[in-house]
Amino acid sequence: SGRGERAYDIYSRLLKERVIFLVGPVNDVTANLVVAQLLFLEAEN
């Protein structure tokens, strides 16, 4: 949907600006996502 794409674009834009947004409890899934984003940003340097 257009709304889903827009939400994805916002998070992509934040990541491009080196902003990682974490909301809610930290569990295995969210921790893995944050680590993957950090590794992605490190690889871009």
N, C-alpha and C. Protein backbone atom coordinates (compact mmCIF):
# COMPACT_ATOMS: atom_id res chain seq x y z
N SER A 1 0.83 -1.19 0.00
CA SER A 1 0.00 0.00 0.00
C SER A 1 0.87 1.24 0.00
N GLY A 2 0.30 2.35 -0.38
CA GLY A 2 1.03 3.60 -0.39
C GLY A 2 1.49 4.00 0.99
N ARG A 3 0.67 3.73 1.98
CA ARG A 3 1.04 4.08 3.36
C ARG A 3 2.22 3.23 3.84
N GLY A 4 2.22 1.95 3.52
CA GLY A 4 3.33 1.07 3.90
C GLY A 4 4.63 1.49 3.25
N GLU A 5 4.57 1.85 1.98
CA GLU A 5 5.77 2.32 1.28
C GLU A 5 6.29 3.60 1.91
N ARG A 6 5.39 4.47 2.30
CA ARG A 6 5.79 5.74 2.91
C ARG A 6 6.49 5.49 4.24
N ALA A 7 5.97 4.56 5.05
CA ALA A 7 6.60 4.23 6.32
C ALA A 7 7.99 3.66 6.08
N TYR A 8 8.11 2.79 5.09
CA TYR A 8 9.42 2.22 4.76
C TYR A 8 10.37 3.32 4.32
N ASP A 9 9.92 4.24 3.51
CA ASP A 9 10.77 5.33 3.04
C ASP A 9 11.26 6.19 4.20
N ILE A 10 10.44 6.41 5.19
CA ILE A 10 10.85 7.20 6.35
C ILE A 10 11.98 6.50 7.09
N TYR A 11 11.85 5.21 7.35
CA TYR A 11 12.90 4.48 8.05
C TYR A 11 14.16 4.37 7.20
N SER A 12 14.01 4.23 5.90
CA SER A 12 15.18 4.22 5.01
C SER A 12 15.89 5.56 5.04
N ARG A 13 15.11 6.62 5.05
CA ARG A 13 15.69 7.96 5.11
C ARG A 13 16.43 8.18 6.43
N LEU A 14 15.84 7.74 7.54
CA LEU A 14 16.51 7.86 8.83
C LEU A 14 17.82 7.09 8.84
N LEU A 15 17.81 5.88 8.30
CA LEU A 15 19.04 5.08 8.26
C LEU A 15 20.09 5.76 7.39
N LYS A 16 19.66 6.33 6.28
CA LYS A 16 20.58 7.05 5.40
C LYS A 16 21.23 8.22 6.14
N GLU A 17 20.48 8.84 7.04
CA GLU A 17 21.00 9.94 7.85
C GLU A 17 21.69 9.44 9.12
N ARG A 18 21.88 8.10 9.19
CA ARG A 18 22.58 7.45 10.30
C ARG A 18 21.79 7.54 11.61
N VAL A 19 20.47 7.47 11.50
CA VAL A 19 19.60 7.47 12.67
C VAL A 19 18.96 6.09 12.76
N ILE A 20 19.14 5.43 13.88
CA ILE A 20 18.52 4.13 14.12
C ILE A 20 17.43 4.33 15.15
N PHE A 21 16.23 3.92 14.81
CA PHE A 21 15.05 4.16 15.62
C PHE A 21 14.60 2.83 16.22
N LEU A 22 14.57 2.76 17.55
CA LEU A 22 14.16 1.54 18.24
C LEU A 22 13.02 1.88 19.20
N VAL A 23 11.89 1.20 19.02
CA VAL A 23 10.73 1.42 19.88
C VAL A 23 10.27 0.07 20.42
N GLY A 24 9.96 0.04 21.69
CA GLY A 24 9.43 -1.18 22.29
C GLY A 24 10.51 -2.02 22.94
N PRO A 25 10.12 -3.19 23.42
CA PRO A 25 11.08 -4.04 24.12
C PRO A 25 12.14 -4.60 23.17
N VAL A 26 13.32 -4.82 23.71
CA VAL A 26 14.40 -5.41 22.92
C VAL A 26 14.32 -6.92 23.08
N ASN A 27 14.19 -7.60 21.96
CA ASN A 27 14.19 -9.06 21.95
C ASN A 27 15.18 -9.51 20.87
N ASP A 28 15.25 -10.78 20.61
CA ASP A 28 16.22 -11.28 19.63
C ASP A 28 16.02 -10.65 18.25
N VAL A 29 14.78 -10.51 17.83
CA VAL A 29 14.50 -9.96 16.50
C VAL A 29 14.93 -8.50 16.40
N THR A 30 14.52 -7.68 17.36
CA THR A 30 14.87 -6.26 17.29
C THR A 30 16.37 -6.06 17.50
N ALA A 31 16.99 -6.84 18.38
CA ALA A 31 18.44 -6.73 18.58
C ALA A 31 19.19 -7.07 17.31
N ASN A 32 18.77 -8.12 16.61
CA ASN A 32 19.41 -8.50 15.35
C ASN A 32 19.23 -7.41 14.30
N LEU A 33 18.08 -6.79 14.27
CA LEU A 33 17.83 -5.72 13.31
C LEU A 33 18.75 -4.53 13.57
N VAL A 34 18.88 -4.14 14.82
CA VAL A 34 19.75 -3.01 15.16
C VAL A 34 21.21 -3.34 14.84
N VAL A 35 21.65 -4.54 15.17
CA VAL A 35 23.03 -4.94 14.86
C VAL A 35 23.26 -4.93 13.35
N ALA A 36 22.30 -5.43 12.58
CA ALA A 36 22.43 -5.42 11.13
C ALA A 36 22.52 -4.00 10.59
N GLN A 37 21.73 -3.09 11.13
CA GLN A 37 21.79 -1.70 10.70
C GLN A 37 23.13 -1.07 11.05
N LEU A 38 23.64 -1.34 12.24
CA LEU A 38 24.95 -0.81 12.64
C LEU A 38 26.06 -1.35 11.74
N LEU A 39 26.01 -2.64 11.42
CA LEU A 39 27.02 -3.22 10.53
C LEU A 39 26.92 -2.63 9.13
N PHE A 40 25.71 -2.40 8.66
CA PHE A 40 25.51 -1.77 7.36
C PHE A 40 26.13 -0.38 7.33
N LEU A 41 25.86 0.41 8.37
CA LEU A 41 26.40 1.76 8.43
C LEU A 41 27.92 1.74 8.54
N GLU A 42 28.47 0.79 9.28
CA GLU A 42 29.93 0.68 9.40
C GLU A 42 30.55 0.33 8.06
N ALA A 43 29.91 -0.54 7.30
CA ALA A 43 30.43 -0.95 5.99
C ALA A 43 30.40 0.20 4.99
N GLU A 44 29.52 1.16 5.18
CA GLU A 44 29.43 2.30 4.27
C GLU A 44 30.58 3.28 4.47
N ASN A 45 31.25 3.25 5.61
CA ASN A 45 32.35 4.20 5.88
C ASN A 45 33.54 3.91 5.01
